[in-house]
Amino acid sequence: MNAQPWHFVVVADRTVLQRLGRMLRTGPYVAEAPLAVVVAVEKASRFAVSDASRAIQSMILMAWEAGVGSNWVGFGGLTEVASMVGIPDDLDVLAVLPFGYPMTDRFRGKKNRKPLAQVASLGRFGQPFE
């Protein structure tokens, strides 16, 4: 439908980034990022969270592909963030995405993942991939 039930606020102001870092308990490192994107969604849209989540994932994947680190910060209760960046009442802040170059290579390479059988089934829950 291409309704695009979101709005993105790009924050590059150092003072605002530092304030965001202090208020986001899951992402204090936002304070050190060169920029962050505040993602807001339309409260009235039943597709907003799903659509914006896909946009968020695309931004994060593209950033990492270009060597820029990013992740999803904030899970609900982001009304202070909304107020700080002027988000109107008909939108909710879904996430804050910091972007920056990782200081070390420790986040690159193979991740410690659960075995496939613990996170996926073939055809029916509990049926292992063979």
Protein backbone atom coordinates (compact mmCIF):
# COMPACT_ATOMS: atom_id res chain seq x y z
CA MET A 1 0.00 0.00 0.00
CA ASN A 2 3.05 2.24 0.43
CA ALA A 3 1.37 4.29 3.18
CA GLN A 4 4.74 5.00 4.85
CA PRO A 5 3.25 5.46 8.35
CA TRP A 6 6.48 6.79 9.81
CA HIS A 7 8.60 9.86 10.26
CA PHE A 8 12.38 9.91 10.70
CA VAL A 9 14.20 12.67 12.60
CA VAL A 10 17.94 12.74 11.95
CA VAL A 11 19.76 14.09 15.01
CA ALA A 12 23.35 15.29 14.64
CA ASP A 13 23.41 17.98 17.34
CA ARG A 14 25.99 16.89 19.93
CA THR A 15 23.98 18.29 22.87
CA VAL A 16 20.82 16.44 21.83
CA LEU A 17 22.75 13.21 21.24
CA GLN A 18 24.25 13.47 24.73
CA ARG A 19 20.80 14.01 26.24
CA LEU A 20 19.47 11.02 24.31
CA GLY A 21 22.34 8.89 25.59
CA ARG A 22 21.47 9.81 29.17
CA MET A 23 17.77 8.99 28.82
CA LEU A 24 18.04 5.76 26.79
CA ARG A 25 18.96 3.11 29.34
CA THR A 26 19.52 0.49 26.61
CA GLY A 27 21.80 2.76 24.60
CA PRO A 28 23.94 5.23 26.54
CA TYR A 29 26.46 5.07 23.66
CA VAL A 30 24.04 7.17 21.58
CA ALA A 31 25.76 10.10 23.30
CA GLU A 32 28.97 9.30 21.40
CA ALA A 33 27.41 8.61 17.98
CA PRO A 34 27.96 11.09 15.15
CA LEU A 35 24.24 10.92 14.44
CA ALA A 36 21.08 9.08 15.34
CA VAL A 37 17.73 8.60 13.68
CA VAL A 38 14.60 8.84 15.82
CA VAL A 39 11.90 6.67 14.26
CA ALA A 40 8.29 7.64 14.94
CA VAL A 41 5.16 5.83 13.78
CA GLU A 42 1.56 6.87 13.25
CA LYS A 43 -0.56 5.79 16.21
CA ALA A 44 -3.62 5.35 13.97
CA SER A 45 -1.95 2.92 11.56
CA ARG A 46 -2.27 -0.77 12.30
CA PHE A 47 0.71 -1.41 10.00
CA ALA A 48 3.02 1.28 11.38
CA VAL A 49 5.13 -0.85 13.73
CA SER A 50 5.61 -3.58 11.14
CA ASP A 51 6.40 -1.17 8.31
CA ALA A 52 8.76 0.96 10.38
CA SER A 53 10.49 -2.14 11.76
CA ARG A 54 11.30 -3.20 8.21
CA ALA A 55 12.63 0.28 7.45
CA ILE A 56 14.74 0.15 10.62
CA GLN A 57 16.18 -3.24 9.73
CA SER A 58 17.01 -2.02 6.23
CA MET A 59 18.82 1.04 7.59
CA ILE A 60 20.81 -1.06 10.05
CA LEU A 61 21.78 -3.69 7.48
CA MET A 62 22.81 -1.09 4.91
CA ALA A 63 24.87 0.74 7.52
CA TRP A 64 26.75 -2.40 8.55
CA GLU A 65 27.33 -3.27 4.90
CA ALA A 66 29.04 0.13 4.54
CA GLY A 67 31.11 -0.41 7.71
CA VAL A 68 28.94 1.88 9.83
CA GLY A 69 27.72 0.44 13.12
CA SER A 70 24.10 0.73 14.18
CA ASN A 71 21.45 -1.00 16.24
CA TRP A 72 17.93 -0.57 17.60
CA VAL A 73 17.80 1.35 20.88
CA GLY A 74 14.74 1.88 23.03
CA PHE A 75 11.74 -0.32 23.54
CA GLY A 76 8.68 1.69 24.54
CA GLY A 77 8.41 4.54 27.00
CA LEU A 78 10.11 6.99 24.69
CA THR A 79 7.82 9.96 25.34
CA GLU A 80 10.76 12.05 26.56
CA VAL A 81 12.52 11.40 23.27
CA ALA A 82 9.39 12.45 21.37
CA SER A 83 9.23 15.70 23.32
CA MET A 84 12.94 16.41 22.83
CA VAL A 85 12.77 16.20 19.04
CA GLY A 86 9.29 17.68 18.59
CA ILE A 87 7.33 14.57 17.61
CA PRO A 88 3.60 15.45 17.53
CA ASP A 89 1.03 13.61 19.66
CA ASP A 90 -0.35 11.54 16.77
CA LEU A 91 2.99 9.70 16.50
CA ASP A 92 4.84 7.36 18.88
CA VAL A 93 8.61 6.98 18.99
CA LEU A 94 9.42 3.38 18.14
CA ALA A 95 13.22 3.45 18.24
CA VAL A 96 16.41 5.45 18.15
CA LEU A 97 19.11 4.27 15.74
CA PRO A 98 22.64 5.51 16.44
CA PHE A 99 25.09 5.44 13.54
CA GLY A 100 28.87 5.56 13.75
CA TYR A 101 32.09 3.78 12.96
CA PRO A 102 32.94 1.05 15.49
CA MET A 103 36.04 1.88 17.54
CA THR A 104 37.23 -1.72 17.45
CA ASP A 105 36.81 -4.76 15.23
CA ARG A 106 35.40 -6.84 18.07
CA PHE A 107 31.88 -6.57 16.62
CA ARG A 108 32.89 -7.83 13.19
CA GLY A 109 32.98 -11.42 12.06
CA LYS A 110 31.14 -14.51 13.22
CA LYS A 111 28.50 -14.10 15.90
CA ASN A 112 27.84 -16.60 18.68
CA ARG A 113 24.47 -17.96 17.49
CA LYS A 114 22.18 -20.65 18.89
CA PRO A 115 22.06 -23.87 16.91
CA LEU A 116 19.49 -23.84 14.10
CA ALA A 117 17.39 -26.54 15.82
CA GLN A 118 16.82 -24.20 18.79
CA VAL A 119 15.43 -21.34 16.73
CA ALA A 120 13.78 -22.92 13.67
CA SER A 121 11.64 -25.91 12.72
CA LEU A 122 10.87 -27.50 9.36
CA GLY A 123 7.18 -27.64 8.51
CA ARG A 124 5.95 -27.96 12.09
CA PHE A 125 7.20 -26.72 15.45
CA GLY A 126 9.77 -29.07 16.90
CA GLN A 127 10.58 -30.82 13.62
CA PRO A 128 14.33 -30.43 13.10
CA PHE A 129 16.04 -29.58 9.87
CA GLU A 130 17.84 -32.71 8.65
